[in-house]
Structures are given as structure tokens and as C-alpha cells.
Amino acid sequence: MALSPLRMQVTQMRVIQMMLLVTVILFGVFVKGLQPTNAVTKPVNTILILIGMLDAALGIGLRGKFLGPAESALRENPADVNAVARWRKWTITSLILAYSLGIYGFGLAMYGARRIEYLLFFAVSVALLLLWTPRLDIPSETQG
């Protein structure tokens, strides 16, 4: 049985999600053997924490403002090409915002931050990537 075009979109987004998730996990594995050359300064640490919080808040806000309406439009009309494009755009955007927290954690580890500081970034990144799993609750094509 072939997947519908909409189901294929969800599958593609989940593949992207899994690739990002695996990369963040590999960041965590890689930093275990890392020998940082210098210690991260307090201002850099504070800036990255603030940027990370902003990224997470931005992801939550954008998902609520743009992804929800795109999902609603697709529930009403699964063939709406513009709604599919909006759903993909905001799904990828939110996944990238979640992934960026893992990158910040990797940067902190590279610059010698304490383990708890960079592991927190990795944990929040993984949690958001899992929480924001791409999904669409749409009627099946077989339903009349």
C-alpha cells in the first residue's frame, strides 16, 4: 500500500527529526572525550543560556502561532498545497530551533563549560526534538 502524499510529508519530516536527534546524541558522545583548551567565560555562558531560552520560547511561540493553523487547514482540506507548505516550513523551523540548543551545548563543551551546563542544553534539545515529533491528525483517505 502506497503512502498518501500527506503521509509522505510526515515521514520526510520524521526522517529529518531523527537525523537531528542522532546528531545531538552524537554531540554528547563526542564531548565525553573532549579536552577543552580554555574555560568558558561567565558572559559567554550567560549569553548562550539566554539565547537558548530565547530559541526554546521562539519555537513554542511559532508553533502555536503558525503550525497550529496549518494543521487546522489540513484537517479541513488535506489537499491544500499551501497548508502543506506552511506545515513543512514551521515543522522544520521548530525542529531546527530545538536542534540549535544541542549546538549551543556542543559549543559550551568545546570552550570548557562545566558538564552540567552543556548536558542541560543537550537534554533540552533532545526533549524538544522528541516533544515536537512531526504529526498530522487528518482524516484517512479511506473514510468517506
N, C-alpha and C. Protein backbone atom coordinates (compact mmCIF):
# COMPACT_ATOMS: atom_id res chain seq x y z
N MET A 1 0.85 -1.18 0.00
CA MET A 1 0.00 0.00 0.00
C MET A 1 0.89 1.24 0.00
N ALA A 2 0.66 2.11 -0.96
CA ALA A 2 1.46 3.33 -1.09
C ALA A 2 0.98 4.38 -0.08
N LEU A 3 1.94 5.17 0.37
CA LEU A 3 1.60 6.26 1.28
C LEU A 3 0.96 7.40 0.51
N SER A 4 0.02 8.07 1.14
CA SER A 4 -0.56 9.26 0.53
C SER A 4 0.50 10.36 0.53
N PRO A 5 0.36 11.35 -0.34
CA PRO A 5 1.35 12.45 -0.37
C PRO A 5 1.50 13.14 0.99
N LEU A 6 0.41 13.28 1.72
CA LEU A 6 0.47 13.91 3.03
C LEU A 6 1.23 13.04 4.04
N ARG A 7 0.98 11.75 4.00
CA ARG A 7 1.70 10.83 4.88
C ARG A 7 3.19 10.81 4.53
N MET A 8 3.51 10.94 3.25
CA MET A 8 4.91 11.01 2.83
C MET A 8 5.59 12.26 3.40
N GLN A 9 4.85 13.36 3.45
CA GLN A 9 5.39 14.60 4.04
C GLN A 9 5.73 14.38 5.52
N VAL A 10 4.83 13.74 6.24
CA VAL A 10 5.06 13.46 7.66
C VAL A 10 6.28 12.55 7.81
N THR A 11 6.38 11.55 6.98
CA THR A 11 7.52 10.63 7.04
C THR A 11 8.83 11.36 6.76
N GLN A 12 8.83 12.23 5.77
CA GLN A 12 10.03 13.01 5.47
C GLN A 12 10.44 13.88 6.65
N MET A 13 9.48 14.51 7.30
CA MET A 13 9.78 15.36 8.45
C MET A 13 10.31 14.52 9.62
N ARG A 14 9.79 13.31 9.76
CA ARG A 14 10.27 12.45 10.84
C ARG A 14 11.70 11.96 10.57
N VAL A 15 12.03 11.75 9.31
CA VAL A 15 13.41 11.38 8.97
C VAL A 15 14.35 12.53 9.32
N ILE A 16 13.95 13.76 8.99
CA ILE A 16 14.76 14.93 9.35
C ILE A 16 14.89 15.02 10.87
N GLN A 17 13.79 14.82 11.58
CA GLN A 17 13.81 14.86 13.04
C GLN A 17 14.79 13.83 13.59
N MET A 18 14.75 12.61 13.08
CA MET A 18 15.64 11.56 13.58
C MET A 18 17.10 11.89 13.29
N MET A 19 17.38 12.46 12.12
CA MET A 19 18.76 12.85 11.80
C MET A 19 19.26 13.91 12.77
N LEU A 20 18.43 14.89 13.08
CA LEU A 20 18.82 15.93 14.03
C LEU A 20 19.00 15.35 15.43
N LEU A 21 18.12 14.46 15.82
CA LEU A 21 18.19 13.83 17.13
C LEU A 21 19.47 13.00 17.27
N VAL A 22 19.79 12.21 16.27
CA VAL A 22 21.01 11.40 16.31
C VAL A 22 22.24 12.31 16.38
N THR A 23 22.22 13.42 15.65
CA THR A 23 23.35 14.33 15.67
C THR A 23 23.56 14.92 17.07
N VAL A 24 22.49 15.33 17.72
CA VAL A 24 22.63 15.88 19.08
C VAL A 24 23.17 14.81 20.03
N ILE A 25 22.69 13.58 19.90
CA ILE A 25 23.20 12.49 20.75
C ILE A 25 24.68 12.26 20.47
N LEU A 26 25.07 12.31 19.20
CA LEU A 26 26.49 12.15 18.86
C LEU A 26 27.33 13.29 19.42
N PHE A 27 26.77 14.51 19.46
CA PHE A 27 27.48 15.62 20.11
C PHE A 27 27.81 15.23 21.55
N GLY A 28 26.81 14.70 22.24
CA GLY A 28 27.01 14.31 23.64
C GLY A 28 28.06 13.21 23.79
N VAL A 29 28.08 12.26 22.87
CA VAL A 29 29.08 11.19 22.91
C VAL A 29 30.46 11.76 22.61
N PHE A 30 30.54 12.63 21.64
CA PHE A 30 31.82 13.20 21.22
C PHE A 30 32.47 14.03 22.32
N VAL A 31 31.69 14.81 23.05
CA VAL A 31 32.29 15.70 24.05
C VAL A 31 32.82 14.95 25.26
N LYS A 32 32.44 13.68 25.42
CA LYS A 32 32.96 12.91 26.56
C LYS A 32 34.49 12.81 26.50
N GLY A 33 35.03 12.69 25.31
CA GLY A 33 36.49 12.56 25.17
C GLY A 33 37.18 13.88 24.85
N LEU A 34 36.46 14.95 24.92
CA LEU A 34 36.99 16.26 24.53
C LEU A 34 37.86 16.84 25.62
N GLN A 35 38.97 17.41 25.22
CA GLN A 35 39.84 18.11 26.14
C GLN A 35 39.78 19.60 25.81
N PRO A 36 38.93 20.36 26.52
CA PRO A 36 38.80 21.78 26.20
C PRO A 36 40.12 22.52 26.43
N THR A 37 40.37 23.51 25.60
CA THR A 37 41.63 24.25 25.68
C THR A 37 41.55 25.42 26.64
N ASN A 38 40.38 25.95 26.87
CA ASN A 38 40.24 27.07 27.79
C ASN A 38 38.86 27.02 28.44
N ALA A 39 38.72 27.75 29.51
CA ALA A 39 37.44 27.76 30.23
C ALA A 39 36.53 28.82 29.65
N VAL A 40 35.26 28.49 29.56
CA VAL A 40 34.27 29.44 29.06
C VAL A 40 34.13 30.58 30.07
N THR A 41 34.02 31.78 29.56
CA THR A 41 33.86 32.92 30.46
C THR A 41 32.40 33.05 30.86
N LYS A 42 32.16 33.68 31.98
CA LYS A 42 30.81 33.85 32.51
C LYS A 42 29.91 34.59 31.52
N PRO A 43 30.37 35.68 30.86
CA PRO A 43 29.48 36.36 29.89
C PRO A 43 29.08 35.46 28.72
N VAL A 44 30.01 34.66 28.21
CA VAL A 44 29.69 33.77 27.09
C VAL A 44 28.66 32.73 27.54
N ASN A 45 28.87 32.18 28.71
CA ASN A 45 27.95 31.20 29.28
C ASN A 45 26.56 31.82 29.42
N THR A 46 26.50 33.01 29.99
CA THR A 46 25.21 33.68 30.21
C THR A 46 24.53 33.99 28.88
N ILE A 47 25.29 34.46 27.91
CA ILE A 47 24.72 34.78 26.59
C ILE A 47 24.13 33.53 25.95
N LEU A 48 24.87 32.42 25.99
CA LEU A 48 24.36 31.19 25.38
C LEU A 48 23.11 30.68 26.10
N ILE A 49 23.07 30.81 27.40
CA ILE A 49 21.88 30.40 28.15
C ILE A 49 20.68 31.27 27.73
N LEU A 50 20.88 32.57 27.62
CA LEU A 50 19.80 33.46 27.22
C LEU A 50 19.34 33.18 25.78
N ILE A 51 20.30 32.95 24.89
CA ILE A 51 19.94 32.63 23.50
C ILE A 51 19.20 31.30 23.44
N GLY A 52 19.64 30.33 24.24
CA GLY A 52 18.95 29.04 24.28
C GLY A 52 17.52 29.18 24.77
N MET A 53 17.33 29.98 25.82
CA MET A 53 15.97 30.21 26.33
C MET A 53 15.13 30.92 25.28
N LEU A 54 15.73 31.87 24.57
CA LEU A 54 15.01 32.57 23.51
C LEU A 54 14.62 31.62 22.39
N ASP A 55 15.53 30.74 22.00
CA ASP A 55 15.23 29.76 20.95
C ASP A 55 14.07 28.86 21.35
N ALA A 56 14.08 28.37 22.58
CA ALA A 56 13.00 27.49 23.04
C ALA A 56 11.68 28.25 23.08
N ALA A 57 11.70 29.48 23.60
CA ALA A 57 10.47 30.28 23.66
C ALA A 57 9.98 30.62 22.26
N LEU A 58 10.91 30.94 21.37
CA LEU A 58 10.55 31.25 19.98
C LEU A 58 9.91 30.03 19.31
N GLY A 59 10.49 28.86 19.55
CA GLY A 59 9.92 27.63 18.98
C GLY A 59 8.51 27.38 19.47
N ILE A 60 8.30 27.55 20.76
CA ILE A 60 6.96 27.35 21.33
C ILE A 60 5.98 28.37 20.74
N GLY A 61 6.40 29.62 20.68
CA GLY A 61 5.52 30.66 20.16
C GLY A 61 5.19 30.48 18.68
N LEU A 62 6.21 30.17 17.88
CA LEU A 62 5.98 29.99 16.44
C LEU A 62 5.11 28.78 16.15
N ARG A 63 5.32 27.72 16.92
CA ARG A 63 4.47 26.54 16.72
C ARG A 63 3.01 26.88 17.00
N GLY A 64 2.78 27.62 18.08
CA GLY A 64 1.40 27.98 18.42
C GLY A 64 0.77 28.91 17.40
N LYS A 65 1.56 29.86 16.91
CA LYS A 65 1.01 30.88 16.01
C LYS A 65 0.85 30.39 14.57
N PHE A 66 1.81 29.57 14.09
CA PHE A 66 1.79 29.21 12.67
C PHE A 66 1.52 27.73 12.40
N LEU A 67 2.06 26.84 13.22
CA LEU A 67 1.89 25.42 12.94
C LEU A 67 0.47 24.95 13.21
N GLY A 68 -0.11 25.42 14.31
CA GLY A 68 -1.48 25.05 14.64
C GLY A 68 -2.48 25.40 13.54
N PRO A 69 -2.45 26.64 13.03
CA PRO A 69 -3.37 26.98 11.94
C PRO A 69 -3.14 26.15 10.67
N ALA A 70 -1.88 25.83 10.37
CA ALA A 70 -1.61 24.99 9.19
C ALA A 70 -2.20 23.60 9.38
N GLU A 71 -2.07 23.05 10.59
CA GLU A 71 -2.66 21.75 10.87
C GLU A 71 -4.19 21.79 10.78
N SER A 72 -4.78 22.86 11.28
CA SER A 72 -6.25 23.00 11.19
C SER A 72 -6.69 23.07 9.73
N ALA A 73 -5.96 23.82 8.92
CA ALA A 73 -6.31 23.92 7.50
C ALA A 73 -6.21 22.56 6.82
N LEU A 74 -5.22 21.77 7.22
CA LEU A 74 -5.07 20.44 6.61
C LEU A 74 -6.14 19.47 7.08
N ARG A 75 -6.64 19.65 8.30
CA ARG A 75 -7.75 18.81 8.75
C ARG A 75 -9.01 19.11 7.93
N GLU A 76 -9.20 20.37 7.60
CA GLU A 76 -10.36 20.75 6.80
C GLU A 76 -10.21 20.33 5.34
N ASN A 77 -9.00 20.50 4.80
CA ASN A 77 -8.76 20.18 3.40
C ASN A 77 -7.36 19.58 3.26
N PRO A 78 -7.23 18.25 3.34
CA PRO A 78 -5.91 17.61 3.25
C PRO A 78 -5.19 17.85 1.93
N ALA A 79 -5.89 18.32 0.90
CA ALA A 79 -5.28 18.57 -0.40
C ALA A 79 -4.78 20.01 -0.54
N ASP A 80 -4.88 20.81 0.50
CA ASP A 80 -4.45 22.22 0.45
C ASP A 80 -2.92 22.30 0.39
N VAL A 81 -2.41 22.58 -0.80
CA VAL A 81 -0.96 22.61 -1.03
C VAL A 81 -0.29 23.71 -0.21
N ASN A 82 -0.94 24.85 -0.08
CA ASN A 82 -0.36 25.95 0.70
C ASN A 82 -0.27 25.59 2.19
N ALA A 83 -1.28 24.90 2.69
CA ALA A 83 -1.25 24.48 4.10
C ALA A 83 -0.15 23.45 4.33
N VAL A 84 0.06 22.56 3.37
CA VAL A 84 1.15 21.58 3.48
C VAL A 84 2.49 22.30 3.53
N ALA A 85 2.66 23.29 2.66
CA ALA A 85 3.92 24.05 2.63
C ALA A 85 4.14 24.79 3.95
N ARG A 86 3.08 25.38 4.49
CA ARG A 86 3.20 26.08 5.79
C ARG A 86 3.52 25.09 6.89
N TRP A 87 2.87 23.94 6.89
CA TRP A 87 3.13 22.92 7.90
C TRP A 87 4.59 22.47 7.85
N ARG A 88 5.10 22.19 6.66
CA ARG A 88 6.51 21.78 6.50
C ARG A 88 7.45 22.88 6.99
N LYS A 89 7.18 24.10 6.57
CA LYS A 89 8.04 25.24 6.93
C LYS A 89 8.16 25.39 8.44
N TRP A 90 7.03 25.37 9.14
CA TRP A 90 7.05 25.60 10.58
C TRP A 90 7.47 24.36 11.36
N THR A 91 7.28 23.20 10.78
CA THR A 91 7.80 21.98 11.41
C THR A 91 9.32 21.99 11.37
N ILE A 92 9.89 22.28 10.20
CA ILE A 92 11.34 22.33 10.07
C ILE A 92 11.92 23.43 10.95
N THR A 93 11.27 24.59 10.97
CA THR A 93 11.75 25.71 11.78
C THR A 93 11.81 25.32 13.26
N SER A 94 10.76 24.69 13.76
CA SER A 94 10.75 24.32 15.18
C SER A 94 11.79 23.23 15.47
N LEU A 95 11.98 22.29 14.56
CA LEU A 95 13.00 21.26 14.77
C LEU A 95 14.40 21.87 14.79
N ILE A 96 14.65 22.83 13.91
CA ILE A 96 15.96 23.48 13.87
C ILE A 96 16.19 24.31 15.13
N LEU A 97 15.16 24.96 15.63
CA LEU A 97 15.32 25.71 16.88
C LEU A 97 15.65 24.77 18.03
N ALA A 98 15.01 23.61 18.07
CA ALA A 98 15.32 22.63 19.12
C ALA A 98 16.75 22.09 18.95
N TYR A 99 17.13 21.84 17.71
CA TYR A 99 18.48 21.33 17.40
C TYR A 99 19.56 22.35 17.78
N SER A 100 19.26 23.62 17.61
CA SER A 100 20.26 24.66 17.90
C SER A 100 20.69 24.62 19.37
N LEU A 101 19.80 24.19 20.26
CA LEU A 101 20.19 24.06 21.66
C LEU A 101 21.30 23.03 21.83
N GLY A 102 21.25 21.96 21.06
CA GLY A 102 22.32 20.97 21.10
C GLY A 102 23.63 21.55 20.59
N ILE A 103 23.55 22.40 19.57
CA ILE A 103 24.76 23.05 19.04
C ILE A 103 25.35 23.99 20.10
N TYR A 104 24.50 24.72 20.80
CA TYR A 104 25.00 25.60 21.87
C TYR A 104 25.68 24.78 22.96
N GLY A 105 25.09 23.65 23.30
CA GLY A 105 25.71 22.77 24.29
C GLY A 105 27.07 22.28 23.83
N PHE A 106 27.15 21.93 22.55
CA PHE A 106 28.43 21.48 22.00
C PHE A 106 29.46 22.61 22.07
N GLY A 107 29.03 23.82 21.74
CA GLY A 107 29.92 24.97 21.83
C GLY A 107 30.40 25.20 23.26
N LEU A 108 29.49 25.09 24.20
CA LEU A 108 29.88 25.25 25.60
C LEU A 108 30.90 24.19 26.01
N ALA A 109 30.67 22.96 25.58
CA ALA A 109 31.61 21.88 25.91
C ALA A 109 32.98 22.14 25.29
N MET A 110 33.00 22.64 24.06
CA MET A 110 34.26 22.94 23.37
C MET A 110 35.05 24.01 24.11
N TYR A 111 34.35 24.93 24.75
CA TYR A 111 35.02 26.02 25.45
C TYR A 111 35.20 25.77 26.94
N GLY A 112 34.97 24.54 27.37
CA GLY A 112 35.30 24.18 28.73
C GLY A 112 34.26 24.47 29.78
N ALA A 113 33.01 24.55 29.41
CA ALA A 113 31.95 24.76 30.40
C ALA A 113 31.85 23.54 31.30
N ARG A 114 31.23 23.74 32.45
CA ARG A 114 31.00 22.61 33.35
C ARG A 114 30.06 21.61 32.67
N ARG A 115 30.21 20.36 33.03
CA ARG A 115 29.43 19.28 32.40
C ARG A 115 27.93 19.52 32.55
N ILE A 116 27.47 19.94 33.70
CA ILE A 116 26.04 20.15 33.93
C ILE A 116 25.49 21.21 32.99
N GLU A 117 26.31 22.20 32.68
CA GLU A 117 25.85 23.30 31.81
C GLU A 117 25.59 22.81 30.39
N TYR A 118 26.55 22.09 29.81
CA TYR A 118 26.32 21.66 28.42
C TYR A 118 25.38 20.47 28.33
N LEU A 119 25.36 19.61 29.36
CA LEU A 119 24.41 18.49 29.33
C LEU A 119 22.97 18.97 29.40
N LEU A 120 22.74 20.08 30.09
CA LEU A 120 21.40 20.64 30.15
C LEU A 120 20.92 21.06 28.76
N PHE A 121 21.82 21.67 27.98
CA PHE A 121 21.47 22.05 26.61
C PHE A 121 21.15 20.81 25.78
N PHE A 122 21.97 19.77 25.89
CA PHE A 122 21.71 18.54 25.16
C PHE A 122 20.36 17.94 25.56
N ALA A 123 20.09 17.91 26.85
CA ALA A 123 18.84 17.30 27.34
C ALA A 123 17.62 18.06 26.85
N VAL A 124 17.66 19.38 26.91
CA VAL A 124 16.51 20.18 26.45
C VAL A 124 16.35 20.02 24.94
N SER A 125 17.45 19.99 24.21
CA SER A 125 17.39 19.80 22.76
C SER A 125 16.73 18.47 22.41
N VAL A 126 17.17 17.39 23.05
CA VAL A 126 16.59 16.07 22.80
C VAL A 126 15.12 16.05 23.20
N ALA A 127 14.80 16.63 24.34
CA ALA A 127 13.41 16.65 24.81
C ALA A 127 12.51 17.38 23.82
N LEU A 128 12.94 18.54 23.34
CA LEU A 128 12.11 19.28 22.38
C LEU A 128 12.02 18.56 21.05
N LEU A 129 13.11 17.97 20.59
CA LEU A 129 13.05 17.22 19.34
C LEU A 129 12.06 16.06 19.44
N LEU A 130 11.99 15.43 20.60
CA LEU A 130 11.03 14.34 20.79
C LEU A 130 9.61 14.87 20.98
N LEU A 131 9.49 15.93 21.75
CA LEU A 131 8.17 16.52 22.02
C LEU A 131 7.54 17.05 20.73
N TRP A 132 8.37 17.61 19.87
CA TRP A 132 7.87 18.21 18.63
C TRP A 132 7.93 17.23 17.46
N THR A 133 7.71 15.96 17.72
CA THR A 133 7.66 14.95 16.66
C THR A 133 6.62 15.36 15.62
N PRO A 134 7.02 15.40 14.35
CA PRO A 134 6.05 15.78 13.30
C PRO A 134 4.90 14.79 13.24
N ARG A 135 3.69 15.34 13.28
CA ARG A 135 2.49 14.50 13.17
C ARG A 135 1.36 15.35 12.59
N LEU A 136 0.47 14.67 11.93
CA LEU A 136 -0.74 15.31 11.42
C LEU A 136 -1.92 14.41 11.73
N ASP A 137 -2.90 14.96 12.39
CA ASP A 137 -4.13 14.21 12.66
C ASP A 137 -5.16 14.62 11.61
N ILE A 138 -5.15 13.88 10.53
CA ILE A 138 -6.06 14.18 9.42
C ILE A 138 -6.92 12.98 9.13
N PRO A 139 -8.08 13.21 8.53
CA PRO A 139 -8.93 12.06 8.18
C PRO A 139 -8.24 11.19 7.14
N SER A 140 -8.46 9.90 7.24
CA SER A 140 -7.89 8.97 6.28
C SER A 140 -8.61 9.10 4.95
N GLU A 141 -7.88 8.82 3.86
CA GLU A 141 -8.50 8.88 2.53
C GLU A 141 -9.58 7.80 2.36
N THR A 142 -9.52 6.76 3.19
CA THR A 142 -10.49 5.69 3.06
C THR A 142 -11.81 6.02 3.74
N GLN A 143 -11.79 7.06 4.61
CA GLN A 143 -13.04 7.44 5.26
C GLN A 143 -13.85 8.27 4.29
N GLY A 144 -15.12 8.10 4.30
CA GLY A 144 -15.99 8.80 3.37
C GLY A 144 -16.52 10.02 3.94
